[in-house]
Amino acid sequence: MFPYPRAHNVPIPKSPQCFHTEEPTMFQDHACRSEGIELAKELDYNAAAAWVGHPYFDVIDNSTDFETKICRMIASVCQKLGIDTGDRLLTNSRKLKFLVNGPLPSDAAFPPYQDFDVVHNYLQTKTSKMQTRLRKRGQNGHWSYIHTIRKPKIRNQVVEVKTQLTHRDYINMLAQRDDSHFTIFKKRRCFLLNNQYFQLDIYREPCHPRYEDNIDPYHLRYMDNIEPCHPRCKGLILLETYSSAEDDQLKKTLPLFLPIEKEVTGNPQYSMFNLSLREEWTTTSKFCHALQGAEEEGNAASKLNGVKEPRLTNG
C-alpha cells in the first residue's frame, strides 16, 4: 500500500515574519490555539519528530512568504503523488485575467469542458478594509458552498481565508448579504488546452426561480424579487488562468478560438467586488482601488498589447 505523503508545516510563531499578534501569549483570531509562542514551538517540534522515518516526509519551513509557503506544500504533496501541476505552483506563477469579446464560438470549438453555475454574494463587514463573500458552485443540481474572507494586507501580503460550508450554513449566512452589492451570476466553463487550465466566466442575468429546475430553496422565497445584474456586467466574459509564462510563450498557450481583446490582470474595473457594486463608480465611495498595484509593476498585459492599461483614478 502506498503510504500517504506527510507535509509538516512549520507554524508561523517559529518565524520572525509573523501573522500573529505582537502579544507573545496568544494567537490572533484563533479559536483553537491559545498557548504561548515557546510552548507552540515545543509542540511543533514534537509533532514533527513523530514522523521521523516516514518515507515521504517533507518539512515546509517559513523561508518564504505565506502564499509561497502554501504553494510549496501543495507542490510537495502533488510531487509525491505523481500529479503534474504544470507551472501553476511555481513561485513566479500568477493569476492572469483576460477580457473576451462576445459572442462566443459554438461549443464544438472548445476542447472537452465542464460547465458550472456560480453565484456570488458579498456580505456585510465591520470595516471597508475587509471583503467577505459567499460562493455557490454547482452542476446538475449538486452544489458546493465556500465562505471567503479577504483581509487587509499584512506585511504586504493579501490574506484570504476560505472555508467550506454546509448548505444550512450557507443559507444562514445569506442573511448577512450586503445590499450595496448585486448578486453575481455566472456560467463557469473549465477546460484544458496546451497543458494549461482555463476558467471562462460568462456573466449572465439571473433566471427566474420558477424556470430553474435546480434553484437553491433560499431563492424560492423571493420569486418575485429577482433583480437583473448591473449593466456593466451584461455580456461580460472573462478568461482566467495561472501561468509563469511571458510574452510570446504566453500567447502560444491562450485559446486561439476565443476573441480575446486584452489582458486585464490587476485592473480594478474587472474586480468582481467593483463589478457587483450597485452605485455608479463615479459616485460611490466603496470602489476598491487595491488592485492598482499590479498595474504599477507592469505585467503581461503591457507586453502582450504594447501598452499599459490606464489606471483608474475616480472609478
Protein backbone atom coordinates (compact mmCIF):
# COMPACT_ATOMS: atom_id res chain seq x y z
CA MET A 1 0.00 0.00 0.00
CA PHE A 2 1.37 3.42 -0.98
CA PRO A 3 1.98 5.44 2.21
CA TYR A 4 0.34 8.83 2.34
CA PRO A 5 2.83 11.70 1.96
CA ARG A 6 3.31 13.82 5.05
CA ALA A 7 3.95 17.56 4.73
CA HIS A 8 4.70 19.26 8.03
CA ASN A 9 4.04 22.99 8.07
CA VAL A 10 6.29 24.83 10.48
CA PRO A 11 3.89 27.22 12.28
CA ILE A 12 4.21 30.95 11.91
CA PRO A 13 5.35 31.62 15.53
CA LYS A 14 8.68 29.91 14.72
CA SER A 15 9.40 32.61 12.15
CA PRO A 16 10.10 36.30 12.66
CA GLN A 17 7.68 37.03 9.80
CA CYS A 18 4.63 36.55 11.97
CA PHE A 19 0.95 36.92 11.23
CA HIS A 20 0.03 36.63 14.91
CA THR A 21 -0.40 39.42 17.40
CA GLU A 22 2.59 41.14 18.94
CA GLU A 23 1.37 39.85 22.32
CA PRO A 24 3.50 36.69 22.85
CA THR A 25 0.79 34.77 24.74
CA MET A 26 -1.96 34.45 22.17
CA PHE A 27 -2.61 33.53 18.55
CA GLN A 28 -4.56 36.28 16.82
CA ASP A 29 -8.16 35.43 15.93
CA HIS A 30 -7.52 31.73 16.54
CA ALA A 31 -10.44 29.81 18.01
CA CYS A 32 -8.46 26.66 18.87
CA ARG A 33 -4.99 27.73 19.99
CA SER A 34 -4.11 29.95 22.93
CA GLU A 35 -0.69 28.67 24.04
CA GLY A 36 2.35 30.89 24.23
CA ILE A 37 4.91 31.01 21.43
CA GLU A 38 7.56 28.96 23.26
CA LEU A 39 5.08 26.18 24.03
CA ALA A 40 3.88 26.31 20.42
CA LYS A 41 7.48 25.77 19.25
CA GLU A 42 7.88 22.78 21.56
CA LEU A 43 4.61 21.22 20.43
CA ASP A 44 5.59 21.74 16.80
CA TYR A 45 8.93 20.00 17.29
CA ASN A 46 7.24 17.04 18.96
CA ALA A 47 4.69 16.78 16.16
CA ALA A 48 7.43 16.81 13.51
CA ALA A 49 9.62 14.33 15.40
CA ALA A 50 6.77 11.82 15.47
CA TRP A 51 7.07 11.47 11.68
CA VAL A 52 10.82 10.89 11.52
CA GLY A 53 11.44 7.79 9.40
CA HIS A 54 8.35 8.25 7.24
CA PRO A 55 9.37 7.56 3.61
CA TYR A 56 7.56 10.64 2.28
CA PHE A 57 8.10 13.36 4.86
CA ASP A 58 8.75 16.99 3.97
CA VAL A 59 9.12 19.98 6.27
CA ILE A 60 7.69 23.21 4.88
CA ASP A 61 9.54 25.96 6.71
CA ASN A 62 9.00 29.73 6.84
CA SER A 63 11.79 30.74 4.47
CA THR A 64 9.27 32.35 2.10
CA ASP A 65 6.13 34.45 2.43
CA PHE A 66 2.91 32.71 3.44
CA GLU A 67 1.37 32.38 -0.04
CA THR A 68 4.55 30.82 -1.44
CA LYS A 69 4.75 28.53 1.58
CA ILE A 70 1.28 27.14 0.84
CA CYS A 71 2.22 26.61 -2.82
CA ARG A 72 5.37 24.76 -1.73
CA MET A 73 3.30 22.48 0.48
CA ILE A 74 0.80 21.67 -2.27
CA ALA A 75 3.60 21.12 -4.79
CA SER A 76 5.32 18.75 -2.35
CA VAL A 77 2.21 16.61 -1.94
CA CYS A 78 1.46 16.60 -5.67
CA GLN A 79 5.03 15.58 -6.49
CA LYS A 80 4.81 12.61 -4.11
CA LEU A 81 1.52 11.53 -5.67
CA GLY A 82 2.86 11.91 -9.20
CA ILE A 83 0.45 14.72 -10.06
CA ASP A 84 1.70 17.15 -12.70
CA THR A 85 0.70 20.69 -11.69
CA GLY A 86 2.42 22.34 -14.65
CA ASP A 87 3.65 25.81 -13.73
CA ARG A 88 0.64 26.69 -11.59
CA LEU A 89 2.59 26.32 -8.33
CA LEU A 90 5.86 27.95 -9.40
CA THR A 91 6.86 30.86 -7.19
CA ASN A 92 6.58 33.25 -10.14
CA SER A 93 3.25 31.85 -11.30
CA ARG A 94 0.48 34.45 -11.23
CA LYS A 95 -3.22 34.64 -11.87
CA LEU A 96 -3.99 36.15 -15.27
CA LYS A 97 -7.29 37.59 -16.41
CA PHE A 98 -8.33 38.39 -19.98
CA LEU A 99 -11.32 40.22 -21.43
CA VAL A 100 -13.08 38.15 -24.10
CA ASN A 101 -15.38 39.64 -26.72
CA GLY A 102 -18.71 38.01 -27.46
CA PRO A 103 -20.38 36.22 -28.97
CA LEU A 104 -18.51 33.05 -28.09
CA PRO A 105 -17.86 30.37 -30.72
CA SER A 106 -20.01 27.26 -30.70
CA ASP A 107 -19.46 24.61 -28.03
CA ALA A 108 -17.85 22.40 -30.67
CA ALA A 109 -14.92 24.83 -30.88
CA PHE A 110 -13.94 24.10 -27.27
CA PRO A 111 -11.86 21.16 -26.08
CA PRO A 112 -13.66 18.86 -23.59
CA TYR A 113 -15.09 21.10 -20.87
CA GLN A 114 -17.25 21.18 -17.76
CA ASP A 115 -19.83 23.91 -17.13
CA PHE A 116 -20.82 25.07 -13.65
CA ASP A 117 -23.36 27.57 -12.35
CA VAL A 118 -21.74 30.02 -9.93
CA VAL A 119 -23.46 32.54 -7.65
CA HIS A 120 -21.55 35.12 -5.57
CA ASN A 121 -22.93 37.26 -2.74
CA TYR A 122 -20.91 39.84 -0.82
CA LEU A 123 -21.58 40.05 2.91
CA GLN A 124 -21.55 42.94 5.37
CA THR A 125 -18.24 43.65 7.14
CA LYS A 126 -17.21 45.80 10.09
CA THR A 127 -14.53 47.59 8.10
CA SER A 128 -14.13 48.66 4.49
CA LYS A 129 -10.63 47.15 4.55
CA MET A 130 -12.08 43.65 4.60
CA GLN A 131 -14.16 41.80 1.98
CA THR A 132 -16.37 38.81 2.73
CA ARG A 133 -18.31 36.79 0.19
CA LEU A 134 -20.22 33.57 -0.34
CA ARG A 135 -19.88 31.37 -3.39
CA LYS A 136 -22.30 28.71 -4.53
CA ARG A 137 -20.96 26.49 -7.32
CA GLY A 138 -22.86 23.61 -8.81
CA GLN A 139 -23.61 21.27 -11.65
CA ASN A 140 -26.68 19.12 -12.30
CA GLY A 141 -28.31 20.13 -9.04
CA HIS A 142 -25.28 19.38 -6.84
CA TRP A 143 -23.76 22.36 -5.06
CA SER A 144 -20.72 23.28 -3.00
CA TYR A 145 -20.53 26.36 -0.79
CA ILE A 146 -17.49 28.48 0.11
CA HIS A 147 -17.12 31.42 2.50
CA THR A 148 -14.17 33.71 1.74
CA ILE A 149 -12.70 36.46 3.91
CA ARG A 150 -10.20 38.76 2.25
CA LYS A 151 -8.26 40.53 4.99
CA PRO A 152 -6.24 43.75 4.83
CA LYS A 153 -2.64 43.47 3.72
CA ILE A 154 -0.30 42.05 6.37
CA ARG A 155 3.41 42.56 5.63
CA ASN A 156 2.46 43.48 2.06
CA GLN A 157 0.53 40.24 1.52
CA VAL A 158 -3.21 39.88 0.89
CA VAL A 159 -4.58 37.17 3.16
CA GLU A 160 -7.62 35.15 2.07
CA VAL A 161 -9.29 32.62 4.34
CA LYS A 162 -11.64 30.17 2.62
CA THR A 163 -14.00 27.85 4.49
CA GLN A 164 -16.24 25.17 3.03
CA LEU A 165 -19.82 25.45 4.26
CA THR A 166 -22.79 23.16 4.61
CA HIS A 167 -25.95 24.10 2.76
CA ARG A 168 -27.55 25.12 6.06
CA ASP A 169 -24.65 27.41 7.00
CA TYR A 170 -24.78 28.96 3.54
CA ILE A 171 -28.48 29.75 3.87
CA ASN A 172 -27.97 31.26 7.33
CA MET A 173 -25.06 33.43 6.19
CA LEU A 174 -27.04 34.81 3.26
CA ALA A 175 -28.95 36.86 5.83
CA GLN A 176 -25.76 38.96 6.16
CA ARG A 177 -25.80 39.88 2.47
CA ASP A 178 -24.56 43.39 1.70
CA ASP A 179 -27.34 45.29 -0.08
CA SER A 180 -24.82 47.67 -1.64
CA HIS A 181 -23.83 44.83 -3.99
CA PHE A 182 -25.77 42.94 -6.63
CA THR A 183 -25.70 39.16 -6.59
CA ILE A 184 -23.33 37.95 -9.31
CA PHE A 185 -24.45 35.07 -11.56
CA LYS A 186 -22.00 33.30 -13.87
CA LYS A 187 -21.61 30.27 -16.01
CA ARG A 188 -18.08 28.98 -15.47
CA ARG A 189 -16.59 26.82 -18.22
CA CYS A 190 -13.43 24.90 -17.26
CA PHE A 191 -11.14 23.28 -19.82
CA LEU A 192 -7.57 22.20 -20.52
CA LEU A 193 -5.66 23.44 -23.54
CA ASN A 194 -1.94 23.24 -24.30
CA ASN A 195 -1.36 21.76 -20.82
CA GLN A 196 -2.90 24.91 -19.37
CA TYR A 197 -6.03 25.02 -17.19
CA PHE A 198 -8.54 27.76 -18.01
CA GLN A 199 -11.72 29.09 -16.45
CA LEU A 200 -14.09 31.09 -18.65
CA ASP A 201 -16.53 33.17 -16.60
CA ILE A 202 -19.63 34.19 -18.53
CA TYR A 203 -21.63 36.78 -16.59
CA ARG A 204 -25.36 36.33 -17.03
CA GLU A 205 -28.73 37.61 -15.91
CA PRO A 206 -30.37 35.66 -13.09
CA CYS A 207 -33.07 33.29 -14.25
CA HIS A 208 -36.43 33.49 -12.52
CA PRO A 209 -36.63 30.66 -9.97
CA ARG A 210 -39.78 29.19 -11.46
CA TYR A 211 -37.76 28.42 -14.60
CA GLU A 212 -34.81 26.92 -12.73
CA ASP A 213 -35.01 23.19 -12.03
CA ASN A 214 -32.13 23.23 -9.55
CA ILE A 215 -32.58 26.63 -7.90
CA ASP A 216 -31.49 26.90 -4.28
CA PRO A 217 -34.53 26.75 -1.93
CA TYR A 218 -33.47 30.06 -0.36
CA HIS A 219 -34.26 31.94 -3.56
CA LEU A 220 -37.73 30.42 -3.81
CA ARG A 221 -38.74 32.78 -1.01
CA TYR A 222 -38.01 35.70 -3.32
CA MET A 223 -39.58 34.52 -6.57
CA ASP A 224 -40.97 37.96 -7.38
CA ASN A 225 -37.91 39.93 -6.28
CA ILE A 226 -35.23 38.80 -8.73
CA GLU A 227 -33.01 41.70 -9.77
CA PRO A 228 -31.12 42.00 -13.04
CA CYS A 229 -27.36 42.45 -12.93
CA HIS A 230 -25.76 45.87 -13.33
CA PRO A 231 -25.44 46.97 -16.98
CA ARG A 232 -21.64 46.91 -16.61
CA CYS A 233 -21.86 43.11 -16.25
CA LYS A 234 -24.10 42.44 -19.23
CA GLY A 235 -22.28 40.39 -21.84
CA LEU A 236 -19.08 40.39 -19.79
CA ILE A 237 -16.79 37.39 -20.40
CA LEU A 238 -13.50 36.91 -18.55
CA LEU A 239 -10.88 34.20 -19.06
CA GLU A 240 -8.64 33.25 -16.13
CA THR A 241 -5.58 31.03 -15.78
CA TYR A 242 -2.39 30.67 -13.73
CA SER A 243 0.93 30.87 -15.54
CA SER A 244 4.56 31.91 -15.22
CA ALA A 245 4.93 32.35 -18.99
CA GLU A 246 5.87 35.68 -20.54
CA ASP A 247 5.41 37.38 -23.91
CA ASP A 248 5.34 35.01 -26.90
CA GLN A 249 5.26 31.91 -24.72
CA LEU A 250 2.11 33.16 -23.01
CA LYS A 251 0.45 33.96 -26.33
CA LYS A 252 1.00 30.40 -27.52
CA THR A 253 -0.89 28.94 -24.56
CA LEU A 254 -4.01 31.08 -24.98
CA PRO A 255 -7.10 29.68 -26.78
CA LEU A 256 -6.90 30.93 -30.36
CA PHE A 257 -10.59 30.17 -30.90
CA LEU A 258 -11.58 32.83 -28.33
CA PRO A 259 -11.77 36.52 -29.36
CA ILE A 260 -9.51 37.84 -26.59
CA GLU A 261 -9.45 41.64 -26.57
CA LYS A 262 -6.81 42.37 -23.93
CA GLU A 263 -5.38 41.32 -20.59
CA VAL A 264 -7.00 42.96 -17.57
CA THR A 265 -4.96 41.40 -14.75
CA GLY A 266 -4.92 43.81 -11.80
CA ASN A 267 -7.35 46.24 -13.43
CA PRO A 268 -9.88 47.21 -10.72
CA GLN A 269 -12.57 47.74 -13.35
CA TYR A 270 -12.72 43.95 -13.70
CA SER A 271 -12.67 43.14 -10.00
CA MET A 272 -15.82 41.20 -9.06
CA PHE A 273 -16.15 43.35 -5.94
CA ASN A 274 -16.36 46.50 -8.06
CA LEU A 275 -18.46 44.91 -10.80
CA SER A 276 -21.13 43.98 -8.25
CA LEU A 277 -21.49 47.48 -6.75
CA ARG A 278 -24.99 48.93 -7.07
CA GLU A 279 -23.82 52.54 -7.21
CA GLU A 280 -22.10 54.03 -10.21
CA TRP A 281 -18.32 54.03 -9.92
CA THR A 282 -18.16 57.80 -10.40
CA THR A 283 -20.24 58.45 -7.28
CA THR A 284 -19.61 55.55 -4.91
CA SER A 285 -17.10 55.67 -2.07
CA LYS A 286 -16.85 51.87 -1.99
CA PHE A 287 -14.87 51.38 -5.19
CA CYS A 288 -11.81 49.28 -4.36
CA HIS A 289 -8.55 50.56 -5.86
CA ALA A 290 -6.37 47.96 -4.16
CA LEU A 291 -5.66 46.12 -7.41
CA GLN A 292 -3.84 49.08 -8.94
CA GLY A 293 -0.52 47.89 -7.57
CA ALA A 294 -0.37 45.14 -10.17
CA GLU A 295 -0.68 47.72 -12.93
CA GLU A 296 2.10 49.86 -11.49
CA GLU A 297 4.56 46.98 -11.54
CA GLY A 298 3.87 46.12 -15.17
CA ASN A 299 2.68 42.70 -16.25
CA ALA A 300 1.96 40.53 -19.24
CA ALA A 301 -0.77 42.91 -20.33
CA SER A 302 1.66 45.64 -21.28
CA LYS A 303 3.91 43.16 -23.03
CA LEU A 304 1.11 41.49 -24.95
CA ASN A 305 -0.70 44.63 -26.02
CA GLY A 306 2.20 47.04 -26.30
CA VAL A 307 0.68 49.49 -23.82
CA LYS A 308 -0.13 49.53 -20.15
CA GLU A 309 -3.74 49.62 -19.01
CA PRO A 310 -4.77 53.08 -17.78
CA ARG A 311 -5.10 53.28 -14.03
CA LEU A 312 -8.48 54.16 -12.58
CA THR A 313 -8.40 57.34 -10.53
CA ASN A 314 -12.04 58.10 -9.83
CA GLY A 315 -13.88 54.85 -10.66
